[in-house]
Amino acid sequence: MKISARNVLKGKVKSIKAGSVNDEITMVLAGGDEIVAIITRTSSKNLKLAKNKKVYAIIKASSVMIGTD
């Protein structure tokens, strides 16, 4: 697999919270950090996501915003 994104993180699916349209996927990286992604239910099914399945978080963004109260 070749992609243009520079940030590719390998991990495993920790949990899947299924919704009517989107699923919330929580993955755990090797060091124990977690990443949560919202993807369509169709994509979740097409990728055959399941607990403990090896996956990649592919992050490509032109900006990251941080806010406070």
PDB file of N, CA and C in Angstrom:
ATOM      1  N   MET A   1       0.847  -1.166   0.000  1.00  0.00           N
ATOM      2  CA  MET A   1       0.000   0.000   0.000  1.00  0.00           C
ATOM      3  C   MET A   1       0.896   1.233   0.000  1.00  0.00           C
ATOM      4  N   LYS A   2       0.730   2.108  -0.962  1.00  0.00           N
ATOM      5  CA  LYS A   2       1.438   3.380  -1.008  1.00  0.00           C
ATOM      6  C   LYS A   2       0.413   4.499  -0.933  1.00  0.00           C
ATOM      7  N   ILE A   3       0.662   5.437  -0.029  1.00  0.00           N
ATOM      8  CA  ILE A   3      -0.247   6.566   0.146  1.00  0.00           C
ATOM      9  C   ILE A   3       0.578   7.834   0.336  1.00  0.00           C
ATOM     10  N   SER A   4      -0.054   8.985   0.183  1.00  0.00           N
ATOM     11  CA  SER A   4       0.654  10.254   0.317  1.00  0.00           C
ATOM     12  C   SER A   4       0.689  10.763   1.751  1.00  0.00           C
ATOM     13  N   ALA A   5      -0.134  10.230   2.626  1.00  0.00           N
ATOM     14  CA  ALA A   5      -0.155  10.691   4.017  1.00  0.00           C
ATOM     15  C   ALA A   5       1.140  10.299   4.716  1.00  0.00           C
ATOM     16  N   ARG A   6       1.664  11.205   5.527  1.00  0.00           N
ATOM     17  CA  ARG A   6       2.918  10.933   6.230  1.00  0.00           C
ATOM     18  C   ARG A   6       2.701  10.283   7.588  1.00  0.00           C
ATOM     19  N   ASN A   7       1.537  10.442   8.137  1.00  0.00           N
ATOM     20  CA  ASN A   7       1.271   9.923   9.482  1.00  0.00           C
ATOM     21  C   ASN A   7       0.442   8.657   9.409  1.00  0.00           C
ATOM     22  N   VAL A   8       1.111   7.527   9.498  1.00  0.00           N
ATOM     23  CA  VAL A   8       0.456   6.223   9.471  1.00  0.00           C
ATOM     24  C   VAL A   8       0.821   5.517  10.766  1.00  0.00           C
ATOM     25  N   LEU A   9      -0.179   5.219  11.577  1.00  0.00           N
ATOM     26  CA  LEU A   9       0.030   4.602  12.879  1.00  0.00           C
ATOM     27  C   LEU A   9      -0.605   3.220  12.905  1.00  0.00           C
ATOM     28  N   LYS A  10       0.172   2.230  13.331  1.00  0.00           N
ATOM     29  CA  LYS A  10      -0.307   0.850  13.359  1.00  0.00           C
ATOM     30  C   LYS A  10      -0.866   0.533  14.744  1.00  0.00           C
ATOM     31  N   GLY A  11      -1.972  -0.196  14.762  1.00  0.00           N
ATOM     32  CA  GLY A  11      -2.574  -0.582  16.026  1.00  0.00           C
ATOM     33  C   GLY A  11      -3.590  -1.695  15.845  1.00  0.00           C
ATOM     34  N   LYS A  12      -4.414  -1.859  16.876  1.00  0.00           N
ATOM     35  CA  LYS A  12      -5.475  -2.870  16.857  1.00  0.00           C
ATOM     36  C   LYS A  12      -6.787  -2.224  17.280  1.00  0.00           C
ATOM     37  N   VAL A  13      -7.874  -2.744  16.753  1.00  0.00           N
ATOM     38  CA  VAL A  13      -9.200  -2.252  17.136  1.00  0.00           C
ATOM     39  C   VAL A  13      -9.469  -2.645  18.585  1.00  0.00           C
ATOM     40  N   LYS A  14      -9.801  -1.644  19.394  1.00  0.00           N
ATOM     41  CA  LYS A  14     -10.161  -1.895  20.792  1.00  0.00           C
ATOM     42  C   LYS A  14     -11.668  -2.084  20.934  1.00  0.00           C
ATOM     43  N   SER A  15     -12.415  -1.205  20.260  1.00  0.00           N
ATOM     44  CA  SER A  15     -13.869  -1.303  20.346  1.00  0.00           C
ATOM     45  C   SER A  15     -14.522  -0.649  19.146  1.00  0.00           C
ATOM     46  N   ILE A  16     -15.756  -1.074  18.904  1.00  0.00           N
ATOM     47  CA  ILE A  16     -16.578  -0.503  17.840  1.00  0.00           C
ATOM     48  C   ILE A  16     -17.936  -0.175  18.437  1.00  0.00           C
ATOM     49  N   LYS A  17     -18.293   1.119  18.384  1.00  0.00           N
ATOM     50  CA  LYS A  17     -19.630   1.533  18.808  1.00  0.00           C
ATOM     51  C   LYS A  17     -20.431   1.793  17.547  1.00  0.00           C
ATOM     52  N   ALA A  18     -21.321   0.878  17.240  1.00  0.00           N
ATOM     53  CA  ALA A  18     -22.107   0.965  16.011  1.00  0.00           C
ATOM     54  C   ALA A  18     -23.221   1.986  16.153  1.00  0.00           C
ATOM     55  N   GLY A  19     -23.371   2.787  15.124  1.00  0.00           N
ATOM     56  CA  GLY A  19     -24.471   3.747  15.054  1.00  0.00           C
ATOM     57  C   GLY A  19     -25.339   3.429  13.858  1.00  0.00           C
ATOM     58  N   SER A  20     -26.371   4.203  13.658  1.00  0.00           N
ATOM     59  CA  SER A  20     -27.266   3.936  12.527  1.00  0.00           C
ATOM     60  C   SER A  20     -26.624   4.308  11.197  1.00  0.00           C
ATOM     61  N   VAL A  21     -25.734   5.308  11.197  1.00  0.00           N
ATOM     62  CA  VAL A  21     -25.072   5.750   9.968  1.00  0.00           C
ATOM     63  C   VAL A  21     -23.554   5.605  10.077  1.00  0.00           C
ATOM     64  N   ASN A  22     -22.997   6.005  11.222  1.00  0.00           N
ATOM     65  CA  ASN A  22     -21.552   5.966  11.438  1.00  0.00           C
ATOM     66  C   ASN A  22     -21.190   5.054  12.601  1.00  0.00           C
ATOM     67  N   ASP A  23     -19.963   4.539  12.570  1.00  0.00           N
ATOM     68  CA  ASP A  23     -19.422   3.750  13.673  1.00  0.00           C
ATOM     69  C   ASP A  23     -18.270   4.519  14.299  1.00  0.00           C
ATOM     70  N   GLU A  24     -18.125   4.404  15.614  1.00  0.00           N
ATOM     71  CA  GLU A  24     -16.999   4.994  16.329  1.00  0.00           C
ATOM     72  C   GLU A  24     -15.992   3.880  16.591  1.00  0.00           C
ATOM     73  N   ILE A  25     -14.825   3.995  15.992  1.00  0.00           N
ATOM     74  CA  ILE A  25     -13.798   2.969  16.100  1.00  0.00           C
ATOM     75  C   ILE A  25     -12.704   3.482  17.027  1.00  0.00           C
ATOM     76  N   THR A  26     -12.432   2.749  18.089  1.00  0.00           N
ATOM     77  CA  THR A  26     -11.324   3.073  18.978  1.00  0.00           C
ATOM     78  C   THR A  26     -10.225   2.065  18.719  1.00  0.00           C
ATOM     79  N   MET A  27      -9.024   2.582  18.451  1.00  0.00           N
ATOM     80  CA  MET A  27      -7.889   1.690  18.232  1.00  0.00           C
ATOM     81  C   MET A  27      -6.805   2.006  19.241  1.00  0.00           C
ATOM     82  N   VAL A  28      -6.006   0.991  19.574  1.00  0.00           N
ATOM     83  CA  VAL A  28      -4.905   1.124  20.524  1.00  0.00           C
ATOM     84  C   VAL A  28      -3.596   0.971  19.770  1.00  0.00           C
ATOM     85  N   LEU A  29      -2.682   1.910  20.006  1.00  0.00           N
ATOM     86  CA  LEU A  29      -1.358   1.843  19.406  1.00  0.00           C
ATOM     87  C   LEU A  29      -0.445   0.992  20.289  1.00  0.00           C
ATOM     88  N   ALA A  30       0.724   0.637  19.781  1.00  0.00           N
ATOM     89  CA  ALA A  30       1.657  -0.234  20.504  1.00  0.00           C
ATOM     90  C   ALA A  30       2.012   0.303  21.888  1.00  0.00           C
ATOM     91  N   GLY A  31       2.143   1.605  22.033  1.00  0.00           N
ATOM     92  CA  GLY A  31       2.510   2.203  23.316  1.00  0.00           C
ATOM     93  C   GLY A  31       1.353   2.385  24.276  1.00  0.00           C
ATOM     94  N   GLY A  32       0.135   2.013  23.851  1.00  0.00           N
ATOM     95  CA  GLY A  32      -1.036   2.129  24.711  1.00  0.00           C
ATOM     96  C   GLY A  32      -1.908   3.336  24.447  1.00  0.00           C
ATOM     97  N   ASP A  33      -1.423   4.276  23.628  1.00  0.00           N
ATOM     98  CA  ASP A  33      -2.255   5.428  23.276  1.00  0.00           C
ATOM     99  C   ASP A  33      -3.431   4.975  22.430  1.00  0.00           C
ATOM    100  N   GLU A  34      -4.525   5.714  22.518  1.00  0.00           N
ATOM    101  CA  GLU A  34      -5.732   5.380  21.764  1.00  0.00           C
ATOM    102  C   GLU A  34      -6.079   6.478  20.767  1.00  0.00           C
ATOM    103  N   ILE A  35      -6.646   6.059  19.665  1.00  0.00           N
ATOM    104  CA  ILE A  35      -7.147   6.976  18.637  1.00  0.00           C
ATOM    105  C   ILE A  35      -8.584   6.575  18.355  1.00  0.00           C
ATOM    106  N   VAL A  36      -9.449   7.576  18.220  1.00  0.00           N
ATOM    107  CA  VAL A  36     -10.857   7.321  17.903  1.00  0.00           C
ATOM    108  C   VAL A  36     -11.158   7.928  16.543  1.00  0.00           C
ATOM    109  N   ALA A  37     -11.808   7.156  15.695  1.00  0.00           N
ATOM    110  CA  ALA A  37     -12.203   7.626  14.373  1.00  0.00           C
ATOM    111  C   ALA A  37     -13.683   7.346  14.159  1.00  0.00           C
ATOM    112  N   ILE A  38     -14.334   8.262  13.477  1.00  0.00           N
ATOM    113  CA  ILE A  38     -15.729   8.071  13.083  1.00  0.00           C
ATOM    114  C   ILE A  38     -15.721   7.779  11.586  1.00  0.00           C
ATOM    115  N   ILE A  39     -16.219   6.609  11.220  1.00  0.00           N
ATOM    116  CA  ILE A  39     -16.293   6.233   9.809  1.00  0.00           C
ATOM    117  C   ILE A  39     -17.701   5.734   9.515  1.00  0.00           C
ATOM    118  N   THR A  40     -18.048   5.693   8.253  1.00  0.00           N
ATOM    119  CA  THR A  40     -19.397   5.223   7.906  1.00  0.00           C
ATOM    120  C   THR A  40     -19.546   3.754   8.270  1.00  0.00           C
ATOM    121  N   ARG A  41     -20.761   3.391   8.561  1.00  0.00           N
ATOM    122  CA  ARG A  41     -21.064   1.988   8.887  1.00  0.00           C
ATOM    123  C   ARG A  41     -20.710   1.095   7.693  1.00  0.00           C
ATOM    124  N   THR A  42     -20.960   1.587   6.491  1.00  0.00           N
ATOM    125  CA  THR A  42     -20.633   0.836   5.275  1.00  0.00           C
ATOM    126  C   THR A  42     -19.131   0.567   5.200  1.00  0.00           C
ATOM    127  N   SER A  43     -18.310   1.569   5.491  1.00  0.00           N
ATOM    128  CA  SER A  43     -16.854   1.386   5.477  1.00  0.00           C
ATOM    129  C   SER A  43     -16.421   0.394   6.541  1.00  0.00           C
ATOM    130  N   SER A  44     -17.013   0.482   7.711  1.00  0.00           N
ATOM    131  CA  SER A  44     -16.695  -0.444   8.791  1.00  0.00           C
ATOM    132  C   SER A  44     -16.962  -1.892   8.373  1.00  0.00           C
ATOM    133  N   LYS A  45     -18.084  -2.094   7.709  1.00  0.00           N
ATOM    134  CA  LYS A  45     -18.424  -3.437   7.218  1.00  0.00           C
ATOM    135  C   LYS A  45     -17.496  -3.871   6.090  1.00  0.00           C
ATOM    136  N   ASN A  46     -17.215  -2.959   5.151  1.00  0.00           N
ATOM    137  CA  ASN A  46     -16.340  -3.294   4.033  1.00  0.00           C
ATOM    138  C   ASN A  46     -14.928  -3.655   4.485  1.00  0.00           C
ATOM    139  N   LEU A  47     -14.453  -2.998   5.544  1.00  0.00           N
ATOM    140  CA  LEU A  47     -13.126  -3.287   6.099  1.00  0.00           C
ATOM    141  C   LEU A  47     -13.137  -4.510   7.021  1.00  0.00           C
ATOM    142  N   LYS A  48     -14.347  -5.035   7.275  1.00  0.00           N
ATOM    143  CA  LYS A  48     -14.521  -6.195   8.166  1.00  0.00           C
ATOM    144  C   LYS A  48     -13.857  -5.958   9.520  1.00  0.00           C
ATOM    145  N   LEU A  49     -14.115  -4.764  10.080  1.00  0.00           N
ATOM    146  CA  LEU A  49     -13.520  -4.418  11.360  1.00  0.00           C
ATOM    147  C   LEU A  49     -14.107  -5.259  12.479  1.00  0.00           C
ATOM    148  N   ALA A  50     -13.236  -5.650  13.402  1.00  0.00           N
ATOM    149  CA  ALA A  50     -13.631  -6.442  14.559  1.00  0.00           C
ATOM    150  C   ALA A  50     -12.611  -6.197  15.660  1.00  0.00           C
ATOM    151  N   LYS A  51     -12.986  -6.457  16.881  1.00  0.00           N
ATOM    152  CA  LYS A  51     -12.086  -6.281  18.016  1.00  0.00           C
ATOM    153  C   LYS A  51     -10.799  -7.063  17.781  1.00  0.00           C
ATOM    154  N   ASN A  52      -9.677  -6.437  18.095  1.00  0.00           N
ATOM    155  CA  ASN A  52      -8.317  -6.991  17.969  1.00  0.00           C
ATOM    156  C   ASN A  52      -7.804  -7.118  16.542  1.00  0.00           C
ATOM    157  N   LYS A  53      -8.566  -6.669  15.545  1.00  0.00           N
ATOM    158  CA  LYS A  53      -8.069  -6.705  14.167  1.00  0.00           C
ATOM    159  C   LYS A  53      -6.972  -5.657  14.010  1.00  0.00           C
ATOM    160  N   LYS A  54      -5.894  -6.018  13.326  1.00  0.00           N
ATOM    161  CA  LYS A  54      -4.811  -5.078  13.062  1.00  0.00           C
ATOM    162  C   LYS A  54      -5.278  -4.060  12.024  1.00  0.00           C
ATOM    163  N   VAL A  55      -5.059  -2.771  12.339  1.00  0.00           N
ATOM    164  CA  VAL A  55      -5.490  -1.686  11.467  1.00  0.00           C
ATOM    165  C   VAL A  55      -4.444  -0.577  11.461  1.00  0.00           C
ATOM    166  N   TYR A  56      -4.626   0.377  10.564  1.00  0.00           N
ATOM    167  CA  TYR A  56      -3.772   1.552  10.488  1.00  0.00           C
ATOM    168  C   TYR A  56      -4.633   2.791  10.613  1.00  0.00           C
ATOM    169  N   ALA A  57      -4.172   3.762  11.391  1.00  0.00           N
ATOM    170  CA  ALA A  57      -4.773   5.087  11.404  1.00  0.00           C
ATOM    171  C   ALA A  57      -3.949   5.911  10.428  1.00  0.00           C
ATOM    172  N   ILE A  58      -4.583   6.429   9.416  1.00  0.00           N
ATOM    173  CA  ILE A  58      -3.907   7.224   8.395  1.00  0.00           C
ATOM    174  C   ILE A  58      -4.402   8.656   8.554  1.00  0.00           C
ATOM    175  N   ILE A  59      -3.475   9.542   8.941  1.00  0.00           N
ATOM    176  CA  ILE A  59      -3.846  10.906   9.270  1.00  0.00           C
ATOM    177  C   ILE A  59      -3.246  11.852   8.241  1.00  0.00           C
ATOM    178  N   LYS A  60      -4.116  12.601   7.579  1.00  0.00           N
ATOM    179  CA  LYS A  60      -3.660  13.604   6.620  1.00  0.00           C
ATOM    180  C   LYS A  60      -4.517  14.839   6.839  1.00  0.00           C
ATOM    181  N   ALA A  61      -3.880  15.877   7.326  1.00  0.00           N
ATOM    182  CA  ALA A  61      -4.609  17.106   7.610  1.00  0.00           C
ATOM    183  C   ALA A  61      -3.727  18.298   7.310  1.00  0.00           C
ATOM    184  N   SER A  62      -4.321  19.346   6.802  1.00  0.00           N
ATOM    185  CA  SER A  62      -3.548  20.551   6.525  1.00  0.00           C
ATOM    186  C   SER A  62      -3.418  21.419   7.763  1.00  0.00           C
ATOM    187  N   SER A  63      -4.261  21.156   8.777  1.00  0.00           N
ATOM    188  CA  SER A  63      -4.160  21.925  10.015  1.00  0.00           C
ATOM    189  C   SER A  63      -4.754  21.128  11.167  1.00  0.00           C
ATOM    190  N   VAL A  64      -4.279  21.445  12.351  1.00  0.00           N
ATOM    191  CA  VAL A  64      -4.824  20.872  13.587  1.00  0.00           C
ATOM    192  C   VAL A  64      -5.193  22.046  14.474  1.00  0.00           C
ATOM    193  N   MET A  65      -6.402  22.040  15.009  1.00  0.00           N
ATOM    194  CA  MET A  65      -6.853  23.139  15.861  1.00  0.00           C
ATOM    195  C   MET A  65      -6.922  22.669  17.294  1.00  0.00           C
ATOM    196  N   ILE A  66      -6.565  23.564  18.213  1.00  0.00           N
ATOM    197  CA  ILE A  66      -6.664  23.312  19.644  1.00  0.00           C
ATOM    198  C   ILE A  66      -7.427  24.471  20.257  1.00  0.00           C
ATOM    199  N   GLY A  67      -8.333  24.178  21.190  1.00  0.00           N
ATOM    200  CA  GLY A  67      -9.113  25.232  21.815  1.00  0.00           C
ATOM    201  C   GLY A  67      -9.202  25.033  23.310  1.00  0.00           C
ATOM    202  N   THR A  68      -9.551  26.084  24.003  1.00  0.00           N
ATOM    203  CA  THR A  68      -9.784  26.032  25.444  1.00  0.00           C
ATOM    204  C   THR A  68     -11.056  26.804  25.769  1.00  0.00           C
ATOM    205  N   ASP A  69     -11.550  26.589  26.990  1.00  0.00           N
ATOM    206  CA  ASP A  69     -12.739  27.338  27.458  1.00  0.00           C
ATOM    207  C   ASP A  69     -12.353  28.732  27.876  1.00  0.00           C
TER     208      ASP A  69
END
